[in-house]
C-alpha atoms as a PDB file:
ATOM      1  CA  MET A   1      -6.524 -75.158  -3.440  1.00  0.00           C
ATOM      2  CA  LYS A   2      -7.676 -77.904  -0.558  1.00  0.00           C
ATOM      3  CA  MET A   3     -11.276 -79.009  -1.091  1.00  0.00           C
ATOM      4  CA  LYS A   4     -13.299 -79.719   2.068  1.00  0.00           C
ATOM      5  CA  ILE A   5     -15.909 -82.129   1.674  1.00  0.00           C
ATOM      6  CA  SER A   6     -19.093 -83.490   3.428  1.00  0.00           C
ATOM      7  CA  TRP A   7     -21.963 -86.069   3.167  1.00  0.00           C
ATOM      8  CA  VAL A   8     -25.004 -85.651   4.882  1.00  0.00           C
ATOM      9  CA  LYS A   9     -27.094 -88.565   5.066  1.00  0.00           C
ATOM     10  CA  TYR A  10     -30.459 -89.268   7.559  1.00  0.00           C
ATOM     11  CA  GLU A  11     -29.566 -91.503  10.751  1.00  0.00           C
ATOM     12  CA  LYS A  12     -31.217 -94.803  10.297  1.00  0.00           C
ATOM     13  CA  ASP A  13     -29.039 -94.671   6.560  1.00  0.00           C
ATOM     14  CA  LYS A  14     -27.273 -97.233   6.865  1.00  0.00           C
ATOM     15  CA  ARG A  15     -27.061 -97.619   3.603  1.00  0.00           C
ATOM     16  CA  SER A  16     -25.491 -94.218   2.278  1.00  0.00           C
ATOM     17  CA  PHE A  17     -21.308 -93.295   2.624  1.00  0.00           C
ATOM     18  CA  ARG A  18     -20.597 -96.074   4.216  1.00  0.00           C
ATOM     19  CA  LEU A  19     -16.934 -95.948   2.272  1.00  0.00           C
ATOM     20  CA  PRO A  20     -16.348 -92.440   3.211  1.00  0.00           C
ATOM     21  CA  GLU A  21     -17.579 -93.420   7.008  1.00  0.00           C
ATOM     22  CA  ALA A  22     -14.950 -96.013   7.290  1.00  0.00           C
ATOM     23  CA  LEU A  23     -12.343 -94.373   6.158  1.00  0.00           C
ATOM     24  CA  GLY A  24     -12.332 -91.264   8.613  1.00  0.00           C
ATOM     25  CA  PHE A  25     -13.982 -88.110   6.551  1.00  0.00           C
ATOM     26  CA  ASP A  26     -16.850 -86.066   7.481  1.00  0.00           C
ATOM     27  CA  VAL A  27     -19.902 -87.792   7.366  1.00  0.00           C
ATOM     28  CA  PHE A  28     -22.881 -86.478   9.029  1.00  0.00           C
ATOM     29  CA  SER A  29     -26.080 -88.203  10.383  1.00  0.00           C
ATOM     30  CA  LEU A  30     -29.132 -86.248  10.698  1.00  0.00           C
ATOM     31  CA  SER A  31     -31.486 -86.895  13.548  1.00  0.00           C
ATOM     32  CA  ASP A  32     -34.314 -85.018  11.710  1.00  0.00           C
ATOM     33  CA  LEU A  33     -34.703 -84.553   8.220  1.00  0.00           C
ATOM     34  CA  GLU A  34     -36.492 -81.001   8.715  1.00  0.00           C
ATOM     35  CA  LYS A  35     -32.874 -79.678   9.673  1.00  0.00           C
ATOM     36  CA  THR A  36     -31.368 -79.891   6.208  1.00  0.00           C
ATOM     37  CA  ASP A  37     -31.190 -76.463   5.594  1.00  0.00           C
ATOM     38  CA  GLU A  38     -29.765 -75.866   8.615  1.00  0.00           C
ATOM     39  CA  THR A  39     -27.165 -78.169   8.497  1.00  0.00           C
ATOM     40  CA  VAL A  40     -25.916 -77.558   4.927  1.00  0.00           C
ATOM     41  CA  ARG A  41     -26.189 -73.699   6.133  1.00  0.00           C
ATOM     42  CA  ASN A  42     -23.964 -74.546   8.504  1.00  0.00           C
ATOM     43  CA  LEU A  43     -21.923 -76.602   6.525  1.00  0.00           C
ATOM     44  CA  VAL A  44     -21.121 -73.607   3.794  1.00  0.00           C
ATOM     45  CA  LYS A  45     -20.323 -71.301   6.982  1.00  0.00           C
ATOM     46  CA  ASN A  46     -17.250 -73.878   8.170  1.00  0.00           C
ATOM     47  CA  ASP A  47     -15.635 -73.840   4.760  1.00  0.00           C
ATOM     48  CA  TYR A  48     -17.507 -77.108   3.305  1.00  0.00           C
ATOM     49  CA  ASP A  49     -17.402 -76.348  -0.936  1.00  0.00           C
ATOM     50  CA  THR A  50     -18.632 -79.875  -1.838  1.00  0.00           C
ATOM     51  CA  ILE A  51     -21.740 -80.848  -0.158  1.00  0.00           C
ATOM     52  CA  VAL A  52     -22.999 -84.949  -1.182  1.00  0.00           C
ATOM     53  CA  LEU A  53     -26.385 -85.138   0.176  1.00  0.00           C
ATOM     54  CA  SER A  54     -28.281 -88.436  -0.103  1.00  0.00           C
ATOM     55  CA  ASN A  55     -31.395 -88.558  -2.017  1.00  0.00           C
ATOM     56  CA  GLU A  56     -33.612 -88.821   1.232  1.00  0.00           C
ATOM     57  CA  VAL A  57     -31.768 -86.276   2.688  1.00  0.00           C
ATOM     58  CA  ALA A  58     -31.923 -83.881  -0.203  1.00  0.00           C
ATOM     59  CA  GLY A  59     -35.938 -84.769  -0.820  1.00  0.00           C
ATOM     60  CA  PHE A  60     -36.537 -82.183   2.547  1.00  0.00           C
ATOM     61  CA  SER A  61     -34.467 -79.519   1.501  1.00  0.00           C
ATOM     62  CA  GLU A  62     -36.790 -76.583   1.005  1.00  0.00           C
ATOM     63  CA  ASP A  63     -33.826 -74.404  -0.784  1.00  0.00           C
ATOM     64  CA  ILE A  64     -30.736 -76.261  -1.090  1.00  0.00           C
ATOM     65  CA  ILE A  65     -30.476 -76.709  -4.873  1.00  0.00           C
ATOM     66  CA  LYS A  66     -32.047 -72.852  -5.666  1.00  0.00           C
ATOM     67  CA  LYS A  67     -29.618 -70.944  -3.118  1.00  0.00           C
ATOM     68  CA  TYR A  68     -26.508 -72.748  -4.675  1.00  0.00           C
ATOM     69  CA  LYS A  69     -27.162 -73.682  -7.960  1.00  0.00           C
ATOM     70  CA  ASN A  70     -25.553 -71.050  -9.563  1.00  0.00           C
ATOM     71  CA  ASN A  71     -22.550 -70.334  -6.121  1.00  0.00           C
ATOM     72  CA  LYS A  72     -19.115 -70.751  -7.636  1.00  0.00           C
ATOM     73  CA  ASN A  73     -17.644 -71.203  -4.326  1.00  0.00           C
ATOM     74  CA  VAL A  74     -19.680 -74.139  -3.333  1.00  0.00           C
ATOM     75  CA  LYS A  75     -20.670 -77.707  -4.766  1.00  0.00           C
ATOM     76  CA  ILE A  76     -24.236 -79.502  -4.077  1.00  0.00           C
ATOM     77  CA  VAL A  77     -23.963 -82.946  -5.401  1.00  0.00           C
ATOM     78  CA  ILE A  78     -27.352 -84.929  -4.709  1.00  0.00           C
ATOM     79  CA  SER A  79     -26.151 -88.777  -4.398  1.00  0.00           C
ATOM     80  CA  PHE A  80     -28.830 -91.441  -5.918  1.00  0.00           C
ATOM     81  CA  SER A  81     -29.654 -94.329  -4.374  1.00  0.00           C
ATOM     82  CA  LYS A  82     -28.957 -97.446  -6.175  1.00  0.00           C
ATOM     83  CA  ASP A  83     -32.143 -99.200  -5.827  1.00  0.00           C
END
């Protein structure tokens, strides 16, 4: 079974997920944080089973944690900043 992982950050965030981005992984930058839930839904529809959100992006979600908390097919990970 192949994992399909994505990282999601705010476009003005130049510090988060630099390594995955440099290695060519799927790092998505949101210009509008209000689109967080929509972006996660689209990633799930596109078979991403692990979605890593920057703390800033996760704070704009209405229902990500509740919706996917018990879903065994999708893992939502919140990356906390080191500040």
